[in-house]
C-alpha atoms as a PDB file:
ATOM      1  CA  UNK A   1       0.112   0.074   0.214  1.00  0.00           C
ATOM      2  CA  UNK A   2       2.553   2.758  -1.367  1.00  0.00           C
ATOM      3  CA  UNK A   3       0.685   6.049  -1.302  1.00  0.00           C
ATOM      4  CA  UNK A   4       1.785   9.063  -3.259  1.00  0.00           C
ATOM      5  CA  UNK A   5       3.720  11.696  -1.099  1.00  0.00           C
ATOM      6  CA  UNK A   6       5.151   9.769   1.160  1.00  0.00           C
ATOM      7  CA  UNK A   7       8.086   7.992  -0.804  1.00  0.00           C
ATOM      8  CA  UNK A   8      11.326   8.671   0.468  1.00  0.00           C
ATOM      9  CA  UNK A   9      10.294  11.306   3.322  1.00  0.00           C
ATOM     10  CA  UNK A  10      11.834  10.824   6.531  1.00  0.00           C
ATOM     11  CA  UNK A  11      10.070  10.261   9.747  1.00  0.00           C
ATOM     12  CA  UNK A  12      11.233  10.358  12.962  1.00  0.00           C
ATOM     13  CA  UNK A  13       8.733   9.098  15.240  1.00  0.00           C
ATOM     14  CA  UNK A  14       9.357  10.166  18.621  1.00  0.00           C
ATOM     15  CA  UNK A  15       8.073   8.165  21.886  1.00  0.00           C
ATOM     16  CA  UNK A  16       8.127   8.939  25.801  1.00  0.00           C
ATOM     17  CA  UNK A  17      11.624   6.107  26.976  1.00  0.00           C
ATOM     18  CA  UNK A  18      11.624   6.982  30.311  1.00  0.00           C
ATOM     19  CA  UNK A  19      11.217   4.299  32.753  1.00  0.00           C
ATOM     20  CA  UNK A  20      12.556   5.771  35.920  1.00  0.00           C
ATOM     21  CA  UNK A  21       9.274   7.033  37.066  1.00  0.00           C
ATOM     22  CA  UNK A  22       6.191   4.912  37.422  1.00  0.00           C
ATOM     23  CA  UNK A  23       7.011   1.179  37.666  1.00  0.00           C
ATOM     24  CA  UNK A  24       4.721  -0.907  35.342  1.00  0.00           C
ATOM     25  CA  UNK A  25       2.164  -3.143  36.988  1.00  0.00           C
ATOM     26  CA  UNK A  26       0.563  -5.865  35.790  1.00  0.00           C
ATOM     27  CA  UNK A  27      -1.921  -6.475  33.366  1.00  0.00           C
ATOM     28  CA  UNK A  28      -1.877  -2.092  32.704  1.00  0.00           C
ATOM     29  CA  UNK A  29      -2.353  -1.765  28.973  1.00  0.00           C
ATOM     30  CA  UNK A  30      -0.879   1.612  29.579  1.00  0.00           C
ATOM     31  CA  UNK A  31       2.782   0.627  30.542  1.00  0.00           C
ATOM     32  CA  UNK A  32       6.138   1.090  28.667  1.00  0.00           C
ATOM     33  CA  UNK A  33       5.729  -2.251  27.689  1.00  0.00           C
ATOM     34  CA  UNK A  34       2.879  -1.920  25.461  1.00  0.00           C
ATOM     35  CA  UNK A  35       3.627   1.821  24.480  1.00  0.00           C
ATOM     36  CA  UNK A  36       6.893   0.082  22.818  1.00  0.00           C
ATOM     37  CA  UNK A  37       4.862  -2.309  21.304  1.00  0.00           C
ATOM     38  CA  UNK A  38       1.999   0.477  19.596  1.00  0.00           C
ATOM     39  CA  UNK A  39       5.414   2.417  18.379  1.00  0.00           C
ATOM     40  CA  UNK A  40       6.621  -1.250  16.130  1.00  0.00           C
ATOM     41  CA  UNK A  41       3.232  -0.923  15.007  1.00  0.00           C
ATOM     42  CA  UNK A  42       3.200   2.422  14.220  1.00  0.00           C
ATOM     43  CA  UNK A  43       6.286   2.250  12.258  1.00  0.00           C
ATOM     44  CA  UNK A  44       5.690  -0.582  10.557  1.00  0.00           C
ATOM     45  CA  UNK A  45       2.493   0.759   9.288  1.00  0.00           C
ATOM     46  CA  UNK A  46       4.404   3.662   8.201  1.00  0.00           C
ATOM     47  CA  UNK A  47       6.781   2.070   6.407  1.00  0.00           C
ATOM     48  CA  UNK A  48       3.151  -0.159   4.153  1.00  0.00           C
ATOM     49  CA  UNK A  49       2.675   3.507   3.247  1.00  0.00           C
ATOM     50  CA  UNK A  50       6.288   4.405   1.989  1.00  0.00           C
ATOM     51  CA  UNK A  51       7.427   6.381   4.591  1.00  0.00           C
ATOM     52  CA  UNK A  52      11.366   6.093   5.392  1.00  0.00           C
ATOM     53  CA  UNK A  53      10.888   5.749   9.497  1.00  0.00           C
ATOM     54  CA  UNK A  54      13.565   6.110  11.998  1.00  0.00           C
ATOM     55  CA  UNK A  55      12.275   5.688  15.322  1.00  0.00           C
ATOM     56  CA  UNK A  56      13.357   7.835  17.947  1.00  0.00           C
ATOM     57  CA  UNK A  57      13.055   7.239  21.824  1.00  0.00           C
ATOM     58  CA  UNK A  58      13.310  10.007  24.599  1.00  0.00           C
ATOM     59  CA  UNK A  59      14.301  10.156  28.167  1.00  0.00           C
ATOM     60  CA  UNK A  60      15.547  12.844  29.908  1.00  0.00           C
ATOM     61  CA  UNK A  61      18.157  14.261  27.681  1.00  0.00           C
ATOM     62  CA  UNK A  62      16.748  16.573  25.349  1.00  0.00           C
ATOM     63  CA  UNK A  63      20.869  17.823  24.147  1.00  0.00           C
ATOM     64  CA  UNK A  64      21.356  14.530  22.936  1.00  0.00           C
ATOM     65  CA  UNK A  65      18.177  14.220  21.303  1.00  0.00           C
ATOM     66  CA  UNK A  66      18.529  17.756  19.327  1.00  0.00           C
ATOM     67  CA  UNK A  67      22.123  15.981  18.528  1.00  0.00           C
ATOM     68  CA  UNK A  68      20.400  13.466  17.138  1.00  0.00           C
ATOM     69  CA  UNK A  69      17.758  14.912  15.192  1.00  0.00           C
ATOM     70  CA  UNK A  70      20.256  17.390  13.654  1.00  0.00           C
ATOM     71  CA  UNK A  71      22.292  14.345  12.662  1.00  0.00           C
ATOM     72  CA  UNK A  72      19.139  12.636  11.460  1.00  0.00           C
ATOM     73  CA  UNK A  73      16.998  15.203   9.381  1.00  0.00           C
ATOM     74  CA  UNK A  74      14.079  14.479   8.900  1.00  0.00           C
ATOM     75  CA  UNK A  75      11.272  15.514   6.828  1.00  0.00           C
ATOM     76  CA  UNK A  76       9.038  15.931  10.361  1.00  0.00           C
ATOM     77  CA  UNK A  77       8.494  14.750  13.646  1.00  0.00           C
ATOM     78  CA  UNK A  78       5.690  12.099  14.377  1.00  0.00           C
ATOM     79  CA  UNK A  79       5.111  12.768  17.944  1.00  0.00           C
ATOM     80  CA  UNK A  80       4.032  10.519  20.597  1.00  0.00           C
ATOM     81  CA  UNK A  81       5.877  11.438  23.376  1.00  0.00           C
ATOM     82  CA  UNK A  82       3.554  11.314  26.424  1.00  0.00           C
ATOM     83  CA  UNK A  83       4.333  12.852  29.288  1.00  0.00           C
ATOM     84  CA  UNK A  84       3.812   9.795  32.350  1.00  0.00           C
ATOM     85  CA  UNK A  85       4.586  12.324  35.196  1.00  0.00           C
ATOM     86  CA  UNK A  86       1.600  13.164  37.134  1.00  0.00           C
ATOM     87  CA  UNK A  87       0.951  17.160  36.038  1.00  0.00           C
ATOM     88  CA  UNK A  88       2.638  16.880  32.460  1.00  0.00           C
ATOM     89  CA  UNK A  89       5.482  18.951  32.945  1.00  0.00           C
ATOM     90  CA  UNK A  90       7.299  18.218  29.802  1.00  0.00           C
ATOM     91  CA  UNK A  91       4.577  16.861  27.133  1.00  0.00           C
ATOM     92  CA  UNK A  92       3.836  20.786  25.155  1.00  0.00           C
ATOM     93  CA  UNK A  93       7.949  20.848  25.395  1.00  0.00           C
ATOM     94  CA  UNK A  94       8.531  18.850  22.744  1.00  0.00           C
ATOM     95  CA  UNK A  95       6.108  20.505  19.985  1.00  0.00           C
ATOM     96  CA  UNK A  96       8.167  23.431  21.239  1.00  0.00           C
ATOM     97  CA  UNK A  97      11.587  22.406  20.618  1.00  0.00           C
ATOM     98  CA  UNK A  98      11.310  20.601  17.298  1.00  0.00           C
ATOM     99  CA  UNK A  99       9.622  24.141  16.123  1.00  0.00           C
ATOM    100  CA  UNK A 100      12.394  25.901  16.929  1.00  0.00           C
ATOM    101  CA  UNK A 101      14.760  23.608  15.780  1.00  0.00           C
ATOM    102  CA  UNK A 102      12.928  24.069  12.491  1.00  0.00           C
ATOM    103  CA  UNK A 103      11.701  20.876  11.824  1.00  0.00           C
ATOM    104  CA  UNK A 104       7.389  19.931  11.316  1.00  0.00           C
ATOM    105  CA  UNK A 105       6.094  17.660  13.673  1.00  0.00           C
ATOM    106  CA  UNK A 106       2.303  16.188  13.581  1.00  0.00           C
ATOM    107  CA  UNK A 107      -0.676  16.510  15.878  1.00  0.00           C
ATOM    108  CA  UNK A 108      -1.209  19.367  17.796  1.00  0.00           C
ATOM    109  CA  UNK A 109       0.969  22.687  19.056  1.00  0.00           C
ATOM    110  CA  UNK A 110       2.876  23.321  22.252  1.00  0.00           C
ATOM    111  CA  UNK A 111       0.356  26.238  23.340  1.00  0.00           C
ATOM    112  CA  UNK A 112      -2.533  23.608  22.662  1.00  0.00           C
ATOM    113  CA  UNK A 113      -1.163  20.408  24.646  1.00  0.00           C
ATOM    114  CA  UNK A 114      -0.496  22.883  27.217  1.00  0.00           C
ATOM    115  CA  UNK A 115      -3.812  24.291  27.830  1.00  0.00           C
ATOM    116  CA  UNK A 116      -5.614  21.107  27.482  1.00  0.00           C
ATOM    117  CA  UNK A 117      -3.594  19.566  30.152  1.00  0.00           C
ATOM    118  CA  UNK A 118      -4.792  22.243  32.624  1.00  0.00           C
ATOM    119  CA  UNK A 119      -8.888  21.088  32.855  1.00  0.00           C
ATOM    120  CA  UNK A 120      -9.863  24.139  34.160  1.00  0.00           C
ATOM    121  CA  UNK A 121      -7.978  26.611  32.176  1.00  0.00           C
ATOM    122  CA  UNK A 122      -9.477  24.416  28.909  1.00  0.00           C
ATOM    123  CA  UNK A 123     -13.296  24.286  29.613  1.00  0.00           C
ATOM    124  CA  UNK A 124     -13.130  28.483  30.982  1.00  0.00           C
ATOM    125  CA  UNK A 125     -11.911  28.741  27.391  1.00  0.00           C
ATOM    126  CA  UNK A 126     -13.972  26.535  25.708  1.00  0.00           C
ATOM    127  CA  UNK A 127     -17.122  28.075  27.882  1.00  0.00           C
ATOM    128  CA  UNK A 128     -15.947  31.878  26.904  1.00  0.00           C
ATOM    129  CA  UNK A 129     -16.382  30.586  22.981  1.00  0.00           C
ATOM    130  CA  UNK A 130     -19.927  29.144  23.395  1.00  0.00           C
ATOM    131  CA  UNK A 131     -19.045  25.875  23.800  1.00  0.00           C
ATOM    132  CA  UNK A 132     -21.369  23.508  26.482  1.00  0.00           C
ATOM    133  CA  UNK A 133     -19.416  22.356  29.457  1.00  0.00           C
ATOM    134  CA  UNK A 134     -21.027  20.279  32.574  1.00  0.00           C
ATOM    135  CA  UNK A 135     -22.181  22.936  35.566  1.00  0.00           C
ATOM    136  CA  UNK A 136     -20.582  23.189  38.445  1.00  0.00           C
ATOM    137  CA  UNK A 137     -17.242  23.725  36.969  1.00  0.00           C
ATOM    138  CA  UNK A 138     -14.923  24.643  39.357  1.00  0.00           C
ATOM    139  CA  UNK A 139     -10.956  24.324  40.262  1.00  0.00           C
ATOM    140  CA  UNK A 140     -10.424  23.426  44.388  1.00  0.00           C
ATOM    141  CA  UNK A 141      -7.148  24.489  45.142  1.00  0.00           C
ATOM    142  CA  UNK A 142      -7.729  24.069  48.797  1.00  0.00           C
ATOM    143  CA  UNK A 143     -10.145  22.111  50.880  1.00  0.00           C
ATOM    144  CA  UNK A 144     -12.057  24.535  52.037  1.00  0.00           C
ATOM    145  CA  UNK A 145     -12.470  26.231  48.934  1.00  0.00           C
ATOM    146  CA  UNK A 146     -15.215  23.857  48.971  1.00  0.00           C
ATOM    147  CA  UNK A 147     -17.664  25.863  51.082  1.00  0.00           C
ATOM    148  CA  UNK A 148     -17.278  28.608  48.799  1.00  0.00           C
ATOM    149  CA  UNK A 149     -19.187  27.403  46.111  1.00  0.00           C
ATOM    150  CA  UNK A 150     -23.358  26.123  46.472  1.00  0.00           C
ATOM    151  CA  UNK A 151     -23.194  22.794  44.942  1.00  0.00           C
ATOM    152  CA  UNK A 152     -25.738  20.799  42.653  1.00  0.00           C
ATOM    153  CA  UNK A 153     -24.837  16.640  43.424  1.00  0.00           C
ATOM    154  CA  UNK A 154     -23.923  14.401  42.035  1.00  0.00           C
ATOM    155  CA  UNK A 155     -20.438  15.843  41.233  1.00  0.00           C
ATOM    156  CA  UNK A 156     -17.265  14.117  39.234  1.00  0.00           C
ATOM    157  CA  UNK A 157     -14.114  15.094  40.791  1.00  0.00           C
ATOM    158  CA  UNK A 158     -10.223  14.481  39.533  1.00  0.00           C
ATOM    159  CA  UNK A 159      -6.945  16.356  39.410  1.00  0.00           C
ATOM    160  CA  UNK A 160      -7.119  19.215  37.121  1.00  0.00           C
ATOM    161  CA  UNK A 161      -3.807  18.584  35.113  1.00  0.00           C
ATOM    162  CA  UNK A 162      -4.059  14.495  34.597  1.00  0.00           C
ATOM    163  CA  UNK A 163      -5.162  12.384  31.100  1.00  0.00           C
ATOM    164  CA  UNK A 164      -5.642   9.353  29.949  1.00  0.00           C
ATOM    165  CA  UNK A 165      -7.740   8.383  32.983  1.00  0.00           C
ATOM    166  CA  UNK A 166      -5.303   8.940  35.954  1.00  0.00           C
ATOM    167  CA  UNK A 167      -6.961   9.632  39.030  1.00  0.00           C
ATOM    168  CA  UNK A 168     -10.176   8.956  37.907  1.00  0.00           C
ATOM    169  CA  UNK A 169     -11.690   5.943  40.047  1.00  0.00           C
ATOM    170  CA  UNK A 170     -14.694   4.338  41.897  1.00  0.00           C
ATOM    171  CA  UNK A 171     -15.134   7.063  44.483  1.00  0.00           C
ATOM    172  CA  UNK A 172     -14.836   9.781  41.869  1.00  0.00           C
ATOM    173  CA  UNK A 173     -18.488  10.606  42.148  1.00  0.00           C
ATOM    174  CA  UNK A 174     -19.973  12.654  45.081  1.00  0.00           C
ATOM    175  CA  UNK A 175     -22.728  13.266  46.385  1.00  0.00           C
ATOM    176  CA  UNK A 176     -22.122  15.137  49.356  1.00  0.00           C
ATOM    177  CA  UNK A 177     -19.932  18.035  50.740  1.00  0.00           C
ATOM    178  CA  UNK A 178     -18.270  15.622  52.839  1.00  0.00           C
ATOM    179  CA  UNK A 179     -17.446  13.139  49.995  1.00  0.00           C
ATOM    180  CA  UNK A 180     -16.053  15.846  48.117  1.00  0.00           C
ATOM    181  CA  UNK A 181     -14.140  16.910  50.856  1.00  0.00           C
ATOM    182  CA  UNK A 182     -12.100  13.559  51.442  1.00  0.00           C
ATOM    183  CA  UNK A 183     -11.559  13.474  47.668  1.00  0.00           C
ATOM    184  CA  UNK A 184      -9.909  17.275  47.229  1.00  0.00           C
ATOM    185  CA  UNK A 185      -7.719  16.158  50.444  1.00  0.00           C
ATOM    186  CA  UNK A 186      -6.634  12.361  48.139  1.00  0.00           C
ATOM    187  CA  UNK A 187      -5.736  14.473  44.916  1.00  0.00           C
ATOM    188  CA  UNK A 188      -4.237  17.508  46.718  1.00  0.00           C
ATOM    189  CA  UNK A 189      -2.310  14.669  48.983  1.00  0.00           C
ATOM    190  CA  UNK A 190      -1.352  12.080  46.413  1.00  0.00           C
ATOM    191  CA  UNK A 191      -1.239  14.196  42.651  1.00  0.00           C
ATOM    192  CA  UNK A 192      -0.057  17.331  44.725  1.00  0.00           C
ATOM    193  CA  UNK A 193      -2.320  19.602  42.293  1.00  0.00           C
ATOM    194  CA  UNK A 194      -5.822  21.076  42.470  1.00  0.00           C
ATOM    195  CA  UNK A 195      -8.936  19.277  41.907  1.00  0.00           C
ATOM    196  CA  UNK A 196     -11.419  20.020  39.799  1.00  0.00           C
ATOM    197  CA  UNK A 197     -15.296  19.224  40.234  1.00  0.00           C
ATOM    198  CA  UNK A 198     -17.931  19.242  37.461  1.00  0.00           C
ATOM    199  CA  UNK A 199     -22.027  18.029  37.250  1.00  0.00           C
ATOM    200  CA  UNK A 200     -21.842  14.825  36.835  1.00  0.00           C
ATOM    201  CA  UNK A 201     -23.923  14.321  33.627  1.00  0.00           C
ATOM    202  CA  UNK A 202     -25.925  11.829  33.627  1.00  0.00           C
ATOM    203  CA  UNK A 203     -26.668  10.895  29.777  1.00  0.00           C
ATOM    204  CA  UNK A 204     -24.555   8.685  26.811  1.00  0.00           C
ATOM    205  CA  UNK A 205     -21.116   8.855  26.672  1.00  0.00           C
ATOM    206  CA  UNK A 206     -19.542  10.173  23.296  1.00  0.00           C
ATOM    207  CA  UNK A 207     -15.659   9.904  21.661  1.00  0.00           C
ATOM    208  CA  UNK A 208     -15.401  12.139  18.478  1.00  0.00           C
ATOM    209  CA  UNK A 209     -12.520  11.376  16.099  1.00  0.00           C
ATOM    210  CA  UNK A 210     -11.035  14.479  14.400  1.00  0.00           C
ATOM    211  CA  UNK A 211      -8.470  14.256  11.636  1.00  0.00           C
ATOM    212  CA  UNK A 212      -7.080  16.226   9.712  1.00  0.00           C
ATOM    213  CA  UNK A 213      -5.594  19.768   9.054  1.00  0.00           C
ATOM    214  CA  UNK A 214      -6.910  22.912   7.178  1.00  0.00           C
ATOM    215  CA  UNK A 215     -10.074  20.654   6.942  1.00  0.00           C
ATOM    216  CA  UNK A 216     -10.619  18.434   9.929  1.00  0.00           C
ATOM    217  CA  UNK A 217     -12.243  15.527   9.273  1.00  0.00           C
ATOM    218  CA  UNK A 218     -14.953  14.433  12.391  1.00  0.00           C
ATOM    219  CA  UNK A 219     -15.073  10.591  12.155  1.00  0.00           C
ATOM    220  CA  UNK A 220     -18.072   8.117  13.292  1.00  0.00           C
ATOM    221  CA  UNK A 221     -19.312   8.644  16.654  1.00  0.00           C
ATOM    222  CA  UNK A 222     -18.139   6.023  19.206  1.00  0.00           C
ATOM    223  CA  UNK A 223     -20.665   5.600  22.160  1.00  0.00           C
ATOM    224  CA  UNK A 224     -19.138   4.202  25.671  1.00  0.00           C
ATOM    225  CA  UNK A 225     -21.457   1.202  26.988  1.00  0.00           C
ATOM    226  CA  UNK A 226     -21.372   1.049  30.933  1.00  0.00           C
ATOM    227  CA  UNK A 227     -24.478  -0.944  30.867  1.00  0.00           C
ATOM    228  CA  UNK A 228     -22.806  -4.159  32.105  1.00  0.00           C
ATOM    229  CA  UNK A 229     -21.266  -2.349  34.830  1.00  0.00           C
ATOM    230  CA  UNK A 230     -22.833  -3.449  38.837  1.00  0.00           C
ATOM    231  CA  UNK A 231     -24.229  -0.796  40.562  1.00  0.00           C
ATOM    232  CA  UNK A 232     -21.185  -0.589  42.797  1.00  0.00           C
ATOM    233  CA  UNK A 233     -19.090   0.779  39.865  1.00  0.00           C
ATOM    234  CA  UNK A 234     -19.615   4.234  38.374  1.00  0.00           C
ATOM    235  CA  UNK A 235     -20.337   4.618  34.585  1.00  0.00           C
ATOM    236  CA  UNK A 236     -17.521   6.718  34.058  1.00  0.00           C
ATOM    237  CA  UNK A 237     -14.103   6.006  31.577  1.00  0.00           C
ATOM    238  CA  UNK A 238     -11.883   5.657  34.470  1.00  0.00           C
ATOM    239  CA  UNK A 239      -8.378   4.507  34.764  1.00  0.00           C
ATOM    240  CA  UNK A 240      -8.841   0.941  35.610  1.00  0.00           C
ATOM    241  CA  UNK A 241     -11.543   1.267  32.439  1.00  0.00           C
ATOM    242  CA  UNK A 242      -8.871   3.041  29.857  1.00  0.00           C
ATOM    243  CA  UNK A 243      -6.069   0.090  30.923  1.00  0.00           C
ATOM    244  CA  UNK A 244      -6.357  -2.380  33.824  1.00  0.00           C
ATOM    245  CA  UNK A 245      -7.688  -5.283  31.587  1.00  0.00           C
ATOM    246  CA  UNK A 246      -7.918  -7.873  34.749  1.00  0.00           C
ATOM    247  CA  UNK A 247     -10.560  -5.182  36.284  1.00  0.00           C
ATOM    248  CA  UNK A 248     -14.315  -5.257  35.906  1.00  0.00           C
ATOM    249  CA  UNK A 249     -14.162  -2.191  34.893  1.00  0.00           C
ATOM    250  CA  UNK A 250     -12.150  -2.717  31.894  1.00  0.00           C
ATOM    251  CA  UNK A 251     -13.754  -5.567  31.592  1.00  0.00           C
ATOM    252  CA  UNK A 252     -17.460  -4.711  31.683  1.00  0.00           C
ATOM    253  CA  UNK A 253     -17.155  -1.087  29.542  1.00  0.00           C
ATOM    254  CA  UNK A 254     -17.561  -1.362  25.945  1.00  0.00           C
ATOM    255  CA  UNK A 255     -17.467   0.455  22.796  1.00  0.00           C
ATOM    256  CA  UNK A 256     -20.335   0.805  19.836  1.00  0.00           C
ATOM    257  CA  UNK A 257     -18.402   2.544  17.005  1.00  0.00           C
ATOM    258  CA  UNK A 258     -21.028   3.470  15.073  1.00  0.00           C
ATOM    259  CA  UNK A 259     -22.947   4.543  17.820  1.00  0.00           C
ATOM    260  CA  UNK A 260     -26.713   4.740  17.096  1.00  0.00           C
ATOM    261  CA  UNK A 261     -27.723   8.435  17.516  1.00  0.00           C
ATOM    262  CA  UNK A 262     -30.334  10.393  15.814  1.00  0.00           C
ATOM    263  CA  UNK A 263     -28.957  12.645  12.853  1.00  0.00           C
ATOM    264  CA  UNK A 264     -30.037  15.763  14.052  1.00  0.00           C
ATOM    265  CA  UNK A 265     -28.164  14.673  17.692  1.00  0.00           C
ATOM    266  CA  UNK A 266     -25.421  13.068  15.733  1.00  0.00           C
ATOM    267  CA  UNK A 267     -24.734  16.572  13.961  1.00  0.00           C
ATOM    268  CA  UNK A 268     -24.941  18.655  16.942  1.00  0.00           C
ATOM    269  CA  UNK A 269     -22.310  16.815  18.841  1.00  0.00           C
ATOM    270  CA  UNK A 270     -20.341  16.998  15.757  1.00  0.00           C
ATOM    271  CA  UNK A 271     -20.683  20.134  15.333  1.00  0.00           C
ATOM    272  CA  UNK A 272     -19.707  21.107  19.278  1.00  0.00           C
ATOM    273  CA  UNK A 273     -16.806  18.838  18.930  1.00  0.00           C
ATOM    274  CA  UNK A 274     -15.441  20.314  16.211  1.00  0.00           C
ATOM    275  CA  UNK A 275     -15.919  23.480  17.605  1.00  0.00           C
ATOM    276  CA  UNK A 276     -14.144  22.244  20.729  1.00  0.00           C
ATOM    277  CA  UNK A 277     -11.144  21.350  19.177  1.00  0.00           C
ATOM    278  CA  UNK A 278     -10.482  24.588  16.788  1.00  0.00           C
ATOM    279  CA  UNK A 279     -11.127  26.794  20.250  1.00  0.00           C
ATOM    280  CA  UNK A 280      -8.275  25.074  21.907  1.00  0.00           C
ATOM    281  CA  UNK A 281      -6.030  25.452  19.111  1.00  0.00           C
ATOM    282  CA  UNK A 282      -5.640  21.368  18.537  1.00  0.00           C
ATOM    283  CA  UNK A 283      -4.418  20.531  14.790  1.00  0.00           C
ATOM    284  CA  UNK A 284      -3.601  17.135  13.017  1.00  0.00           C
ATOM    285  CA  UNK A 285      -5.653  14.575  15.159  1.00  0.00           C
ATOM    286  CA  UNK A 286      -7.505  14.195  18.450  1.00  0.00           C
ATOM    287  CA  UNK A 287     -10.884  13.597  19.943  1.00  0.00           C
ATOM    288  CA  UNK A 288     -12.800  15.205  22.170  1.00  0.00           C
ATOM    289  CA  UNK A 289     -15.169  13.690  25.236  1.00  0.00           C
ATOM    290  CA  UNK A 290     -18.692  14.677  25.162  1.00  0.00           C
ATOM    291  CA  UNK A 291     -21.806  13.522  27.480  1.00  0.00           C
ATOM    292  CA  UNK A 292     -25.337  14.694  27.776  1.00  0.00           C
ATOM    293  CA  UNK A 293     -26.768  15.849  30.690  1.00  0.00           C
ATOM    294  CA  UNK A 294     -30.302  15.100  32.091  1.00  0.00           C
ATOM    295  CA  UNK A 295     -32.326  16.931  29.282  1.00  0.00           C
ATOM    296  CA  UNK A 296     -30.179  15.167  26.454  1.00  0.00           C
ATOM    297  CA  UNK A 297     -27.911  17.998  25.535  1.00  0.00           C
ATOM    298  CA  UNK A 298     -24.524  16.989  24.803  1.00  0.00           C
ATOM    299  CA  UNK A 299     -21.606  18.624  26.549  1.00  0.00           C
ATOM    300  CA  UNK A 300     -17.644  18.887  26.496  1.00  0.00           C
ATOM    301  CA  UNK A 301     -16.155  17.033  28.890  1.00  0.00           C
ATOM    302  CA  UNK A 302     -12.797  17.426  27.419  1.00  0.00           C
ATOM    303  CA  UNK A 303     -10.449  17.934  24.087  1.00  0.00           C
ATOM    304  CA  UNK A 304      -7.863  15.001  23.408  1.00  0.00           C
ATOM    305  CA  UNK A 305      -5.443  16.782  21.319  1.00  0.00           C
ATOM    306  CA  UNK A 306      -3.198  13.928  20.824  1.00  0.00           C
ATOM    307  CA  UNK A 307      -5.551  11.206  21.114  1.00  0.00           C
ATOM    308  CA  UNK A 308      -4.294   7.246  21.113  1.00  0.00           C
ATOM    309  CA  UNK A 309      -3.238   5.788  18.046  1.00  0.00           C
ATOM    310  CA  UNK A 310      -3.376   2.296  18.957  1.00  0.00           C
ATOM    311  CA  UNK A 311      -4.568  -0.091  16.411  1.00  0.00           C
ATOM    312  CA  UNK A 312      -8.011  -0.928  16.251  1.00  0.00           C
ATOM    313  CA  UNK A 313      -8.955   1.443  19.097  1.00  0.00           C
ATOM    314  CA  UNK A 314      -9.749   4.455  20.167  1.00  0.00           C
ATOM    315  CA  UNK A 315      -9.187   7.103  16.683  1.00  0.00           C
ATOM    316  CA  UNK A 316      -8.241   3.824  14.750  1.00  0.00           C
ATOM    317  CA  UNK A 317     -10.933   2.215  15.607  1.00  0.00           C
ATOM    318  CA  UNK A 318     -13.426   5.114  14.354  1.00  0.00           C
ATOM    319  CA  UNK A 319     -11.102   5.527  10.925  1.00  0.00           C
ATOM    320  CA  UNK A 320     -11.952   2.602   9.802  1.00  0.00           C
ATOM    321  CA  UNK A 321     -15.604   2.581  10.272  1.00  0.00           C
ATOM    322  CA  UNK A 322     -15.064   5.727   7.834  1.00  0.00           C
ATOM    323  CA  UNK A 323     -13.270   3.190   5.495  1.00  0.00           C
ATOM    324  CA  UNK A 324      -9.856   4.465   6.508  1.00  0.00           C
ATOM    325  CA  UNK A 325      -7.124   1.974   6.972  1.00  0.00           C
ATOM    326  CA  UNK A 326      -4.476   2.373   9.985  1.00  0.00           C
ATOM    327  CA  UNK A 327      -1.666   3.191   7.876  1.00  0.00           C
ATOM    328  CA  UNK A 328      -4.080   5.580   5.750  1.00  0.00           C
ATOM    329  CA  UNK A 329      -4.345   7.039   9.113  1.00  0.00           C
ATOM    330  CA  UNK A 330      -1.053   7.983  10.122  1.00  0.00           C
ATOM    331  CA  UNK A 331      -0.472   9.601   6.798  1.00  0.00           C
ATOM    332  CA  UNK A 332      -3.584  11.399   6.927  1.00  0.00           C
ATOM    333  CA  UNK A 333      -1.933  12.831  10.414  1.00  0.00           C
ATOM    334  CA  UNK A 334       1.552  13.120   8.297  1.00  0.00           C
ATOM    335  CA  UNK A 335       0.251  15.568   5.369  1.00  0.00           C
ATOM    336  CA  UNK A 336      -1.409  17.390   8.382  1.00  0.00           C
ATOM    337  CA  UNK A 337       1.906  18.478   9.862  1.00  0.00           C
ATOM    338  CA  UNK A 338       3.800  18.880   6.630  1.00  0.00           C
ATOM    339  CA  UNK A 339       0.288  21.410   6.503  1.00  0.00           C
ATOM    340  CA  UNK A 340       1.693  23.491   9.430  1.00  0.00           C
ATOM    341  CA  UNK A 341      -0.565  25.257  11.756  1.00  0.00           C
ATOM    342  CA  UNK A 342      -1.572  28.690  10.304  1.00  0.00           C
ATOM    343  CA  UNK A 343      -0.091  31.049  12.061  1.00  0.00           C
ATOM    344  CA  UNK A 344       2.832  28.782  13.647  1.00  0.00           C
ATOM    345  CA  UNK A 345       5.769  30.768  13.637  1.00  0.00           C
ATOM    346  CA  UNK A 346       9.035  28.822  12.928  1.00  0.00           C
ATOM    347  CA  UNK A 347      11.443  30.715  15.689  1.00  0.00           C
ATOM    348  CA  UNK A 348      14.862  29.239  15.044  1.00  0.00           C
ATOM    349  CA  UNK A 349      17.351  28.550  18.302  1.00  0.00           C
ATOM    350  CA  UNK A 350      20.281  31.195  18.711  1.00  0.00           C
END
């Protein structure tokens, strides 16, 4: 499967090779071992399209990484650097450094990645742009902040600077101020960052995949099906539901793609998701998480700029339902990276 425009182009596929911060747990699909396996599959898929691929691990030596890029001189960097440190302090630095070196890069620019990793800031921007978000969206920097607001329970409470479901647990849905205080205390003590509280929405939940550059395309909607979960486990996409194969959350949560949605609602969800994607400055590919409120109205939970690209799952699954095979999806992402973000200045390092 050779694709015009790919032949001869050199792609540097960059991923986070630092294994020192968080030990892998048995049955955890978010482990470094699974990441390396995914990177190998991505490299093979890109080569099938016609790209020349060099896998470039990045751990802690950024200067050595820069020297390697100068030697390789790739046509584009395929960014798969996912920061595992709580708060994602370094994830936005990779696209910033790469662009300062003058190389194109796939996915969203540094500003969009940094913005969306601060959930409250991103939610505030979306609300200001007219994108509907859950009610009662508040950031809690101290336990005493709980008393500053008039709450309508239930609420969902999570760390405000995490992604991939990190910090979302069985007790993340709270029904009282006492439970809210306890959850905020846990987040402050264990994640060392503010907590984000939002109204828990009781309706259906959707993942909305988006791919492309100047003309982004909304992929078929995927619905998360929590109906098989026992009553003791809340219907949320927690870390266990995403990654821990041995957990009932993982085993009892399924995905329906394409989702069975009335055409009018599907158009509304797609339009809101695209507005949210553009509002945060996302580019190339991503996923917007949407849930319906009690009245059946869609509200944006989160924009994931560089969503997981595991073959057969998530964004790749939605692309397949749209007739886009996995290598073709990666090729579309590279094309968007080569187009470049509008008004993105290349500021070379001195």
